[in-house]
Amino acid sequence: MEQHFKKHSRYIPGFHFFRFGLILAAIVIAIVLIESLGATVITIFALLVAVSLGLLFGYTRQFATGNQDRVIRAEENFRSYLLTGKPVDSRLTRSQIIVLRFADDSEYAGLSERAISQNLGAKDIKQAI
């Protein structure tokens, strides 16, 4: 698959926007029901379900990306060792390491050093690749 700057990040409308809107609407509706009908068992249950769904989706995403970041760090440590004989430089940030995985092997070492010396952000590294 061809790598270029515009493909490095994307939003999935159903996940990033629609899901959030549904959960937010459920919370608002539950609060409105509590205000208008009083705190009945059903309305409190609806609020708890809406809040728990929000937490579920938020933490599910956080756990998945945390695990993905650990896998990427391990892969990049191995790649760095193969290409340079050393593990990833500890001065590189998590976001820099994640972006460097898109660099070609021939530009990896130089771009890593440049990212450290010039304190390049993820966007700058993406554009340099």
C-alpha atoms as a PDB file:
ATOM      1  CA  MET A   1       0.000   0.000   0.000  1.00  0.00           C
ATOM      2  CA  GLU A   2       1.310   3.407  -0.930  1.00  0.00           C
ATOM      3  CA  GLN A   3       2.195   5.653   2.020  1.00  0.00           C
ATOM      4  CA  HIS A   4       1.683   9.385   1.891  1.00  0.00           C
ATOM      5  CA  PHE A   5       0.845  12.229   4.274  1.00  0.00           C
ATOM      6  CA  LYS A   6      -2.889  12.414   3.587  1.00  0.00           C
ATOM      7  CA  LYS A   7      -3.458   8.749   4.434  1.00  0.00           C
ATOM      8  CA  HIS A   8      -1.755   8.804   7.855  1.00  0.00           C
ATOM      9  CA  SER A   9      -4.829   9.824   9.844  1.00  0.00           C
ATOM     10  CA  ARG A  10      -8.499   9.463   9.155  1.00  0.00           C
ATOM     11  CA  TYR A  11     -11.825   9.689  10.866  1.00  0.00           C
ATOM     12  CA  ILE A  12     -14.512   7.064  10.679  1.00  0.00           C
ATOM     13  CA  PRO A  13     -17.755   9.058  10.971  1.00  0.00           C
ATOM     14  CA  GLY A  14     -19.774   6.236  12.520  1.00  0.00           C
ATOM     15  CA  PHE A  15     -17.197   5.679  15.237  1.00  0.00           C
ATOM     16  CA  HIS A  16     -15.789   9.133  15.860  1.00  0.00           C
ATOM     17  CA  PHE A  17     -18.900  11.280  15.506  1.00  0.00           C
ATOM     18  CA  PHE A  18     -22.190   9.338  15.299  1.00  0.00           C
ATOM     19  CA  ARG A  19     -21.454   7.069  18.280  1.00  0.00           C
ATOM     20  CA  PHE A  20     -20.458  10.017  20.427  1.00  0.00           C
ATOM     21  CA  GLY A  21     -23.638  11.866  19.429  1.00  0.00           C
ATOM     22  CA  LEU A  22     -25.825   8.888  20.309  1.00  0.00           C
ATOM     23  CA  ILE A  23     -24.275   8.457  23.729  1.00  0.00           C
ATOM     24  CA  LEU A  24     -24.469  12.185  24.428  1.00  0.00           C
ATOM     25  CA  ALA A  25     -28.132  12.223  23.327  1.00  0.00           C
ATOM     26  CA  ALA A  26     -28.888   9.259  25.607  1.00  0.00           C
ATOM     27  CA  ILE A  27     -27.331  11.073  28.568  1.00  0.00           C
ATOM     28  CA  VAL A  28     -29.234  14.288  27.829  1.00  0.00           C
ATOM     29  CA  ILE A  29     -32.536  12.429  27.381  1.00  0.00           C
ATOM     30  CA  ALA A  30     -32.002  10.531  30.634  1.00  0.00           C
ATOM     31  CA  ILE A  31     -31.255  13.797  32.490  1.00  0.00           C
ATOM     32  CA  VAL A  32     -34.331  15.469  30.958  1.00  0.00           C
ATOM     33  CA  LEU A  33     -36.465  12.483  31.985  1.00  0.00           C
ATOM     34  CA  ILE A  34     -35.136  12.667  35.528  1.00  0.00           C
ATOM     35  CA  GLU A  35     -35.900  16.399  35.641  1.00  0.00           C
ATOM     36  CA  SER A  36     -39.418  16.084  34.184  1.00  0.00           C
ATOM     37  CA  LEU A  37     -40.592  12.757  35.637  1.00  0.00           C
ATOM     38  CA  GLY A  38     -38.572  12.714  38.796  1.00  0.00           C
ATOM     39  CA  ALA A  39     -35.940  10.204  39.745  1.00  0.00           C
ATOM     40  CA  THR A  40     -37.676   6.941  38.898  1.00  0.00           C
ATOM     41  CA  VAL A  41     -35.899   3.631  38.711  1.00  0.00           C
ATOM     42  CA  ILE A  42     -36.237   3.555  34.906  1.00  0.00           C
ATOM     43  CA  THR A  43     -34.813   7.054  34.370  1.00  0.00           C
ATOM     44  CA  ILE A  44     -31.900   6.453  36.729  1.00  0.00           C
ATOM     45  CA  PHE A  45     -31.252   3.153  34.959  1.00  0.00           C
ATOM     46  CA  ALA A  46     -31.314   4.922  31.574  1.00  0.00           C
ATOM     47  CA  LEU A  47     -28.779   7.467  32.822  1.00  0.00           C
ATOM     48  CA  LEU A  48     -26.502   4.754  34.210  1.00  0.00           C
ATOM     49  CA  VAL A  49     -26.678   2.794  30.948  1.00  0.00           C
ATOM     50  CA  ALA A  50     -25.867   5.886  28.872  1.00  0.00           C
ATOM     51  CA  VAL A  51     -22.922   6.845  31.081  1.00  0.00           C
ATOM     52  CA  SER A  52     -21.613   3.277  31.148  1.00  0.00           C
ATOM     53  CA  LEU A  53     -21.803   3.060  27.343  1.00  0.00           C
ATOM     54  CA  GLY A  54     -19.790   6.267  27.100  1.00  0.00           C
ATOM     55  CA  LEU A  55     -17.169   4.869  29.461  1.00  0.00           C
ATOM     56  CA  LEU A  56     -17.141   1.533  27.648  1.00  0.00           C
ATOM     57  CA  PHE A  57     -16.486   3.073  24.249  1.00  0.00           C
ATOM     58  CA  GLY A  58     -13.915   5.508  25.613  1.00  0.00           C
ATOM     59  CA  TYR A  59     -11.910   2.903  27.498  1.00  0.00           C
ATOM     60  CA  THR A  60     -12.169   0.331  24.708  1.00  0.00           C
ATOM     61  CA  ARG A  61     -10.516   2.804  22.368  1.00  0.00           C
ATOM     62  CA  GLN A  62      -7.910   3.786  24.960  1.00  0.00           C
ATOM     63  CA  PHE A  63      -6.964   0.169  25.731  1.00  0.00           C
ATOM     64  CA  ALA A  64      -6.710  -0.755  22.056  1.00  0.00           C
ATOM     65  CA  THR A  65      -4.509   2.215  21.142  1.00  0.00           C
ATOM     66  CA  GLY A  66      -2.337   1.662  24.230  1.00  0.00           C
ATOM     67  CA  ASN A  67      -1.724  -1.935  23.182  1.00  0.00           C
ATOM     68  CA  GLN A  68      -1.102  -0.877  19.593  1.00  0.00           C
ATOM     69  CA  ASP A  69       1.467   1.682  20.802  1.00  0.00           C
ATOM     70  CA  ARG A  70       3.341  -1.029  22.764  1.00  0.00           C
ATOM     71  CA  VAL A  71       3.427  -3.296  19.702  1.00  0.00           C
ATOM     72  CA  ILE A  72       4.691  -0.446  17.515  1.00  0.00           C
ATOM     73  CA  ARG A  73       7.410   0.408  20.060  1.00  0.00           C
ATOM     74  CA  ALA A  74       8.567  -3.228  20.128  1.00  0.00           C
ATOM     75  CA  GLU A  75       8.581  -3.437  16.332  1.00  0.00           C
ATOM     76  CA  GLU A  76      10.469  -0.161  16.001  1.00  0.00           C
ATOM     77  CA  ASN A  77      13.006  -1.228  18.640  1.00  0.00           C
ATOM     78  CA  PHE A  78      13.665  -4.364  16.619  1.00  0.00           C
ATOM     79  CA  ARG A  79      13.796  -2.424  13.354  1.00  0.00           C
ATOM     80  CA  SER A  80      16.171   0.152  14.826  1.00  0.00           C
ATOM     81  CA  TYR A  81      18.417  -2.626  16.119  1.00  0.00           C
ATOM     82  CA  LEU A  82      18.487  -4.290  12.689  1.00  0.00           C
ATOM     83  CA  LEU A  83      19.231  -1.019  10.866  1.00  0.00           C
ATOM     84  CA  THR A  84      21.567   0.723  13.330  1.00  0.00           C
ATOM     85  CA  GLY A  85      22.710  -1.917  15.791  1.00  0.00           C
ATOM     86  CA  LYS A  86      21.061   0.064  18.626  1.00  0.00           C
ATOM     87  CA  PRO A  87      17.555   0.159  20.108  1.00  0.00           C
ATOM     88  CA  VAL A  88      15.326   3.182  19.543  1.00  0.00           C
ATOM     89  CA  ASP A  89      16.860   6.308  21.054  1.00  0.00           C
ATOM     90  CA  SER A  90      15.186   7.039  24.401  1.00  0.00           C
ATOM     91  CA  ARG A  91      14.927  10.731  23.481  1.00  0.00           C
ATOM     92  CA  LEU A  92      12.315   9.938  20.827  1.00  0.00           C
ATOM     93  CA  THR A  93       8.760  10.461  22.012  1.00  0.00           C
ATOM     94  CA  ARG A  94       5.972   7.946  21.573  1.00  0.00           C
ATOM     95  CA  SER A  95       4.390   9.974  18.759  1.00  0.00           C
ATOM     96  CA  GLN A  96       7.737  10.323  16.952  1.00  0.00           C
ATOM     97  CA  ILE A  97       8.321   6.558  17.130  1.00  0.00           C
ATOM     98  CA  ILE A  98       4.825   5.848  15.848  1.00  0.00           C
ATOM     99  CA  VAL A  99       5.308   8.144  12.858  1.00  0.00           C
ATOM    100  CA  LEU A 100       8.811   6.858  12.090  1.00  0.00           C
ATOM    101  CA  ARG A 101       7.375   3.427  11.314  1.00  0.00           C
ATOM    102  CA  PHE A 102       6.289   4.841   7.954  1.00  0.00           C
ATOM    103  CA  ALA A 103       9.846   5.847   7.042  1.00  0.00           C
ATOM    104  CA  ASP A 104      11.715   3.776   4.479  1.00  0.00           C
ATOM    105  CA  ASP A 105      14.640   1.754   5.861  1.00  0.00           C
ATOM    106  CA  SER A 106      17.098   3.913   3.927  1.00  0.00           C
ATOM    107  CA  GLU A 107      15.880   7.133   5.583  1.00  0.00           C
ATOM    108  CA  TYR A 108      15.067   5.749   9.039  1.00  0.00           C
ATOM    109  CA  ALA A 109      18.351   6.419  10.865  1.00  0.00           C
ATOM    110  CA  GLY A 110      18.819   9.915   9.456  1.00  0.00           C
ATOM    111  CA  LEU A 111      15.234  10.902  10.087  1.00  0.00           C
ATOM    112  CA  SER A 112      15.420   9.561  13.656  1.00  0.00           C
ATOM    113  CA  GLU A 113      18.464  11.711  14.374  1.00  0.00           C
ATOM    114  CA  ARG A 114      16.829  14.701  12.715  1.00  0.00           C
ATOM    115  CA  ALA A 115      13.656  14.200  14.778  1.00  0.00           C
ATOM    116  CA  ILE A 116      15.746  14.312  17.952  1.00  0.00           C
ATOM    117  CA  SER A 117      18.067  17.181  17.026  1.00  0.00           C
ATOM    118  CA  GLN A 118      15.346  19.413  15.551  1.00  0.00           C
ATOM    119  CA  ASN A 119      12.601  18.242  17.939  1.00  0.00           C
ATOM    120  CA  LEU A 120      10.333  17.447  14.985  1.00  0.00           C
ATOM    121  CA  GLY A 121       6.663  16.862  15.689  1.00  0.00           C
ATOM    122  CA  ALA A 122       4.663  13.997  14.223  1.00  0.00           C
ATOM    123  CA  LYS A 123       3.299  16.168  11.412  1.00  0.00           C
ATOM    124  CA  ASP A 124       6.795  17.361  10.473  1.00  0.00           C
ATOM    125  CA  ILE A 125       8.107  13.796  10.375  1.00  0.00           C
ATOM    126  CA  LYS A 126       5.139  12.654   8.255  1.00  0.00           C
ATOM    127  CA  GLN A 127       5.832  15.422   5.758  1.00  0.00           C
ATOM    128  CA  ALA A 128       9.550  14.540   5.643  1.00  0.00           C
ATOM    129  CA  ILE A 129       8.719  10.942   4.742  1.00  0.00           C
END
